[in-house]
Amino acid sequence: MPTNACQWFYDCEGCGTVLKPKPGDCCVYCSYGTVACPPIQAGDACCT
């Protein structure tokens, strides 16, 4: 995953739902992905 891969919103092409981060998460990868976003993996602040 690229280090700039954080996304605040994700528009699902399959169903049209717009995913937003869950409370306390900084991006959709942290909320719904199988791994956290690259800044979190690196031990940095999320999605700066």
PDB file of N, CA and C in Angstrom:
ATOM      1  N   MET A   1       0.844  -1.173   0.000  1.00  0.00           N
ATOM      2  CA  MET A   1       0.000   0.000   0.000  1.00  0.00           C
ATOM      3  C   MET A   1       0.893   1.241   0.000  1.00  0.00           C
ATOM      4  N   PRO A   2       0.659   2.187  -0.895  1.00  0.00           N
ATOM      5  CA  PRO A   2       1.479   3.400  -0.915  1.00  0.00           C
ATOM      6  C   PRO A   2       1.346   4.185   0.382  1.00  0.00           C
ATOM      7  N   THR A   3       2.371   4.949   0.704  1.00  0.00           N
ATOM      8  CA  THR A   3       2.341   5.698   1.963  1.00  0.00           C
ATOM      9  C   THR A   3       1.342   6.846   1.943  1.00  0.00           C
ATOM     10  N   ASN A   4       0.835   7.209   0.778  1.00  0.00           N
ATOM     11  CA  ASN A   4      -0.161   8.274   0.702  1.00  0.00           C
ATOM     12  C   ASN A   4      -1.548   7.711   0.392  1.00  0.00           C
ATOM     13  N   ALA A   5      -1.818   6.473   0.827  1.00  0.00           N
ATOM     14  CA  ALA A   5      -3.047   5.783   0.461  1.00  0.00           C
ATOM     15  C   ALA A   5      -4.234   6.100   1.358  1.00  0.00           C
ATOM     16  N   CYS A   6      -4.075   6.930   2.361  1.00  0.00           N
ATOM     17  CA  CYS A   6      -5.177   7.237   3.264  1.00  0.00           C
ATOM     18  C   CYS A   6      -6.341   7.861   2.502  1.00  0.00           C
ATOM     19  N   GLN A   7      -7.543   7.464   2.869  1.00  0.00           N
ATOM     20  CA  GLN A   7      -8.741   8.021   2.255  1.00  0.00           C
ATOM     21  C   GLN A   7      -9.744   8.351   3.347  1.00  0.00           C
ATOM     22  N   TRP A   8     -10.290   9.550   3.278  1.00  0.00           N
ATOM     23  CA  TRP A   8     -11.325   9.950   4.243  1.00  0.00           C
ATOM     24  C   TRP A   8     -12.650   9.316   3.903  1.00  0.00           C
ATOM     25  N   PHE A   9     -12.942   9.155   2.603  1.00  0.00           N
ATOM     26  CA  PHE A   9     -14.194   8.571   2.149  1.00  0.00           C
ATOM     27  C   PHE A   9     -13.904   7.572   1.042  1.00  0.00           C
ATOM     28  N   TYR A  10     -14.781   6.585   0.922  1.00  0.00           N
ATOM     29  CA  TYR A  10     -14.674   5.628  -0.169  1.00  0.00           C
ATOM     30  C   TYR A  10     -16.062   5.406  -0.749  1.00  0.00           C
ATOM     31  N   ASP A  11     -16.219   5.635  -2.031  1.00  0.00           N
ATOM     32  CA  ASP A  11     -17.484   5.462  -2.731  1.00  0.00           C
ATOM     33  C   ASP A  11     -17.484   4.080  -3.376  1.00  0.00           C
ATOM     34  N   CYS A  12     -18.255   3.147  -2.820  1.00  0.00           N
ATOM     35  CA  CYS A  12     -18.300   1.778  -3.318  1.00  0.00           C
ATOM     36  C   CYS A  12     -18.961   1.738  -4.689  1.00  0.00           C
ATOM     37  N   GLU A  13     -18.222   1.252  -5.676  1.00  0.00           N
ATOM     38  CA  GLU A  13     -18.751   1.167  -7.035  1.00  0.00           C
ATOM     39  C   GLU A  13     -19.822   0.086  -7.151  1.00  0.00           C
ATOM     40  N   GLY A  14     -19.783  -0.916  -6.284  1.00  0.00           N
ATOM     41  CA  GLY A  14     -20.737  -2.013  -6.348  1.00  0.00           C
ATOM     42  C   GLY A  14     -22.132  -1.633  -5.873  1.00  0.00           C
ATOM     43  N   CYS A  15     -22.203  -0.953  -4.728  1.00  0.00           N
ATOM     44  CA  CYS A  15     -23.516  -0.649  -4.155  1.00  0.00           C
ATOM     45  C   CYS A  15     -23.803   0.841  -4.027  1.00  0.00           C
ATOM     46  N   GLY A  16     -22.804   1.685  -4.266  1.00  0.00           N
ATOM     47  CA  GLY A  16     -23.015   3.125  -4.194  1.00  0.00           C
ATOM     48  C   GLY A  16     -22.927   3.703  -2.797  1.00  0.00           C
ATOM     49  N   THR A  17     -22.629   2.886  -1.797  1.00  0.00           N
ATOM     50  CA  THR A  17     -22.501   3.362  -0.429  1.00  0.00           C
ATOM     51  C   THR A  17     -21.212   4.152  -0.262  1.00  0.00           C
ATOM     52  N   VAL A  18     -21.285   5.251   0.464  1.00  0.00           N
ATOM     53  CA  VAL A  18     -20.093   6.038   0.777  1.00  0.00           C
ATOM     54  C   VAL A  18     -19.651   5.655   2.187  1.00  0.00           C
ATOM     55  N   LEU A  19     -18.477   5.035   2.271  1.00  0.00           N
ATOM     56  CA  LEU A  19     -17.926   4.658   3.571  1.00  0.00           C
ATOM     57  C   LEU A  19     -17.167   5.835   4.155  1.00  0.00           C
ATOM     58  N   LYS A  20     -17.341   6.037   5.452  1.00  0.00           N
ATOM     59  CA  LYS A  20     -16.630   7.070   6.196  1.00  0.00           C
ATOM     60  C   LYS A  20     -15.923   6.392   7.354  1.00  0.00           C
ATOM     61  N   PRO A  21     -14.848   6.977   7.865  1.00  0.00           N
ATOM     62  CA  PRO A  21     -14.165   6.368   9.008  1.00  0.00           C
ATOM     63  C   PRO A  21     -15.092   6.255  10.212  1.00  0.00           C
ATOM     64  N   LYS A  22     -14.932   5.179  10.965  1.00  0.00           N
ATOM     65  CA  LYS A  22     -15.674   5.018  12.214  1.00  0.00           C
ATOM     66  C   LYS A  22     -15.126   6.005  13.242  1.00  0.00           C
ATOM     67  N   PRO A  23     -15.919   6.365  14.254  1.00  0.00           N
ATOM     68  CA  PRO A  23     -15.431   7.289  15.282  1.00  0.00           C
ATOM     69  C   PRO A  23     -14.115   6.799  15.893  1.00  0.00           C
ATOM     70  N   GLY A  24     -13.150   7.683  15.965  1.00  0.00           N
ATOM     71  CA  GLY A  24     -11.842   7.349  16.515  1.00  0.00           C
ATOM     72  C   GLY A  24     -10.831   6.897  15.471  1.00  0.00           C
ATOM     73  N   ASP A  25     -11.289   6.580  14.266  1.00  0.00           N
ATOM     74  CA  ASP A  25     -10.387   6.191  13.185  1.00  0.00           C
ATOM     75  C   ASP A  25     -10.148   7.383  12.280  1.00  0.00           C
ATOM     76  N   CYS A  26      -9.015   7.381  11.597  1.00  0.00           N
ATOM     77  CA  CYS A  26      -8.668   8.543  10.782  1.00  0.00           C
ATOM     78  C   CYS A  26      -8.995   8.369   9.311  1.00  0.00           C
ATOM     79  N   CYS A  27      -9.162   7.113   8.854  1.00  0.00           N
ATOM     80  CA  CYS A  27      -9.465   6.914   7.444  1.00  0.00           C
ATOM     81  C   CYS A  27     -10.197   5.589   7.262  1.00  0.00           C
ATOM     82  N   VAL A  28     -10.725   5.368   6.078  1.00  0.00           N
ATOM     83  CA  VAL A  28     -11.492   4.144   5.835  1.00  0.00           C
ATOM     84  C   VAL A  28     -10.630   2.888   5.908  1.00  0.00           C
ATOM     85  N   TYR A  29      -9.334   2.994   5.619  1.00  0.00           N
ATOM     86  CA  TYR A  29      -8.467   1.817   5.748  1.00  0.00           C
ATOM     87  C   TYR A  29      -8.378   1.359   7.197  1.00  0.00           C
ATOM     88  N   CYS A  30      -8.306   2.311   8.117  1.00  0.00           N
ATOM     89  CA  CYS A  30      -8.229   1.954   9.539  1.00  0.00           C
ATOM     90  C   CYS A  30      -9.549   1.345  10.022  1.00  0.00           C
ATOM     91  N   SER A  31     -10.663   1.798   9.457  1.00  0.00           N
ATOM     92  CA  SER A  31     -11.974   1.300   9.878  1.00  0.00           C
ATOM     93  C   SER A  31     -12.361  -0.018   9.222  1.00  0.00           C
ATOM     94  N   TYR A  32     -12.081  -0.179   7.942  1.00  0.00           N
ATOM     95  CA  TYR A  32     -12.611  -1.313   7.194  1.00  0.00           C
ATOM     96  C   TYR A  32     -11.559  -2.198   6.542  1.00  0.00           C
ATOM     97  N   GLY A  33     -10.320  -1.762   6.491  1.00  0.00           N
ATOM     98  CA  GLY A  33      -9.278  -2.548   5.837  1.00  0.00           C
ATOM     99  C   GLY A  33      -8.768  -3.674   6.704  1.00  0.00           C
ATOM    100  N   THR A  34      -8.029  -4.572   6.089  1.00  0.00           N
ATOM    101  CA  THR A  34      -7.437  -5.673   6.842  1.00  0.00           C
ATOM    102  C   THR A  34      -6.158  -5.228   7.555  1.00  0.00           C
ATOM    103  N   VAL A  35      -5.600  -4.094   7.134  1.00  0.00           N
ATOM    104  CA  VAL A  35      -4.455  -3.495   7.799  1.00  0.00           C
ATOM    105  C   VAL A  35      -4.705  -1.997   7.940  1.00  0.00           C
ATOM    106  N   ALA A  36      -4.104  -1.405   8.928  1.00  0.00           N
ATOM    107  CA  ALA A  36      -4.251   0.043   9.124  1.00  0.00           C
ATOM    108  C   ALA A  36      -3.509   0.806   8.035  1.00  0.00           C
ATOM    109  N   CYS A  37      -3.781   2.103   7.917  1.00  0.00           N
ATOM    110  CA  CYS A  37      -3.135   2.924   6.899  1.00  0.00           C
ATOM    111  C   CYS A  37      -1.624   3.011   7.148  1.00  0.00           C
ATOM    112  N   PRO A  38      -0.843   3.327   6.135  1.00  0.00           N
ATOM    113  CA  PRO A  38       0.620   3.330   6.252  1.00  0.00           C
ATOM    114  C   PRO A  38       1.176   4.197   7.385  1.00  0.00           C
ATOM    115  N   PRO A  39       0.672   5.428   7.647  1.00  0.00           N
ATOM    116  CA  PRO A  39       1.230   6.178   8.758  1.00  0.00           C
ATOM    117  C   PRO A  39       1.075   5.464  10.109  1.00  0.00           C
ATOM    118  N   ILE A  40      -0.062   4.825  10.319  1.00  0.00           N
ATOM    119  CA  ILE A  40      -0.269   4.083  11.565  1.00  0.00           C
ATOM    120  C   ILE A  40       0.687   2.887  11.630  1.00  0.00           C
ATOM    121  N   GLN A  41       0.878   2.191  10.516  1.00  0.00           N
ATOM    122  CA  GLN A  41       1.807   1.056  10.489  1.00  0.00           C
ATOM    123  C   GLN A  41       3.227   1.515  10.811  1.00  0.00           C
ATOM    124  N   ALA A  42       3.584   2.736  10.394  1.00  0.00           N
ATOM    125  CA  ALA A  42       4.916   3.258  10.626  1.00  0.00           C
ATOM    126  C   ALA A  42       5.077   3.844  12.028  1.00  0.00           C
ATOM    127  N   GLY A  43       3.958   3.893  12.796  1.00  0.00           N
ATOM    128  CA  GLY A  43       4.018   4.439  14.140  1.00  0.00           C
ATOM    129  C   GLY A  43       3.889   5.946  14.181  1.00  0.00           C
ATOM    130  N   ASP A  44       3.453   6.545  13.066  1.00  0.00           N
ATOM    131  CA  ASP A  44       3.284   8.002  12.983  1.00  0.00           C
ATOM    132  C   ASP A  44       1.833   8.383  13.226  1.00  0.00           C
ATOM    133  N   ALA A  45       1.574   9.680  13.238  1.00  0.00           N
ATOM    134  CA  ALA A  45       0.211  10.172  13.332  1.00  0.00           C
ATOM    135  C   ALA A  45      -0.535   9.766  12.064  1.00  0.00           C
ATOM    136  N   CYS A  46      -1.810   9.589  12.194  1.00  0.00           N
ATOM    137  CA  CYS A  46      -2.604   9.098  11.078  1.00  0.00           C
ATOM    138  C   CYS A  46      -2.907  10.190  10.065  1.00  0.00           C
ATOM    139  N   CYS A  47      -2.698   9.880   8.799  1.00  0.00           N
ATOM    140  CA  CYS A  47      -3.149  10.690   7.662  1.00  0.00           C
ATOM    141  C   CYS A  47      -2.864  12.172   7.828  1.00  0.00           C
ATOM    142  N   THR A  48      -1.644  12.510   8.072  1.00  0.00           N
ATOM    143  CA  THR A  48      -1.306  13.933   8.245  1.00  0.00           C
ATOM    144  C   THR A  48      -1.222  14.647   6.946  1.00  0.00           C
TER     145      THR A  48
END
